[in-house]
Amino acid sequence: MPPVTPSIDPSAFVHPRATVADGAELVRSIAGEGATIEPGAKLFETVVWPNATARGSLTRAVVTPFGTVDVRG
């Protein structure tokens, strides 16, 4: 079976010093310096601040080191 790798859409930006785990998906999202995207995370239109950790399925959210804010209108 082929290895599971992260899926990073061309619309996403991932800082070179961010960590995106295998099985994570990013679409129209941003991961800042030192950010961690956990295995299986699914991010759509989400911003992960530097040194923050994203997990689970997030849509239109801002993830900070202090918590996650839902910014859907």
Protein backbone atom coordinates (compact mmCIF):
# COMPACT_ATOMS: atom_id res chain seq x y z
CA MET A 1 0.00 0.00 0.00
CA PRO A 2 1.42 3.46 -0.88
CA PRO A 3 2.36 5.75 2.02
CA VAL A 4 -0.18 8.35 3.18
CA THR A 5 1.10 11.87 2.62
CA PRO A 6 -0.34 15.28 3.38
CA SER A 7 -2.61 16.82 0.74
CA ILE A 8 -1.73 20.48 0.28
CA ASP A 9 -3.81 22.25 -2.37
CA PRO A 10 -1.96 24.85 -4.50
CA SER A 11 -4.27 27.48 -2.96
CA ALA A 12 -2.76 26.83 0.48
CA PHE A 13 0.39 28.39 1.96
CA VAL A 14 2.52 26.44 4.40
CA HIS A 15 5.52 28.12 6.02
CA PRO A 16 8.70 26.09 5.46
CA ARG A 17 9.04 25.63 9.24
CA ALA A 18 5.46 24.40 9.75
CA THR A 19 4.77 20.69 10.20
CA VAL A 20 1.99 19.01 8.25
CA ALA A 21 1.38 15.41 9.30
CA ASP A 22 0.60 12.55 6.96
CA GLY A 23 -3.08 12.35 6.10
CA ALA A 24 -3.74 16.06 6.71
CA GLU A 25 -5.52 18.13 4.04
CA LEU A 26 -5.25 21.88 3.48
CA VAL A 27 -7.35 23.84 0.99
CA ARG A 28 -7.28 27.65 0.77
CA SER A 29 -5.58 27.69 4.17
CA ILE A 30 -2.44 29.15 5.75
CA ALA A 31 -0.06 27.56 8.26
CA GLY A 32 2.38 29.93 9.94
CA GLU A 33 5.93 29.37 11.15
CA GLY A 34 6.11 26.59 13.71
CA ALA A 35 2.47 25.60 13.17
CA THR A 36 1.55 21.93 13.53
CA ILE A 37 -1.20 20.30 11.49
CA GLU A 38 -2.07 16.98 13.10
CA PRO A 39 -2.68 13.69 11.26
CA GLY A 40 -6.09 13.56 9.62
CA ALA A 41 -6.77 17.29 10.05
CA LYS A 42 -8.94 18.75 7.29
CA LEU A 43 -8.57 22.54 6.92
CA PHE A 44 -10.65 24.67 4.55
CA GLU A 45 -10.19 28.45 4.50
CA THR A 46 -8.43 28.28 7.85
CA VAL A 47 -5.49 30.24 9.24
CA VAL A 48 -3.16 28.54 11.69
CA TRP A 49 -1.08 31.07 13.59
CA PRO A 50 2.62 30.54 14.24
CA ASN A 51 3.25 27.90 16.92
CA ALA A 52 -0.43 26.81 17.01
CA THR A 53 -1.75 23.27 16.50
CA ALA A 54 -4.70 22.42 14.24
CA ARG A 55 -6.65 19.20 14.64
CA GLY A 56 -9.91 17.80 13.34
CA SER A 57 -12.06 19.26 10.59
CA LEU A 58 -12.05 23.07 10.44
CA THR A 59 -13.78 25.45 8.03
CA ARG A 60 -13.24 29.22 8.11
CA ALA A 61 -11.46 29.20 11.41
CA VAL A 62 -8.47 30.90 13.01
CA VAL A 63 -6.30 28.63 15.14
CA THR A 64 -4.12 30.37 17.74
CA PRO A 65 -1.88 28.95 20.46
CA PHE A 66 -4.71 29.87 22.87
CA GLY A 67 -7.67 28.31 21.07
CA THR A 68 -9.70 28.15 17.87
CA VAL A 69 -12.11 30.83 16.68
CA ASP A 70 -14.91 30.03 14.23
CA VAL A 71 -15.20 32.96 11.80
CA ARG A 72 -17.98 31.67 9.56
CA GLY A 73 -20.44 34.44 8.79
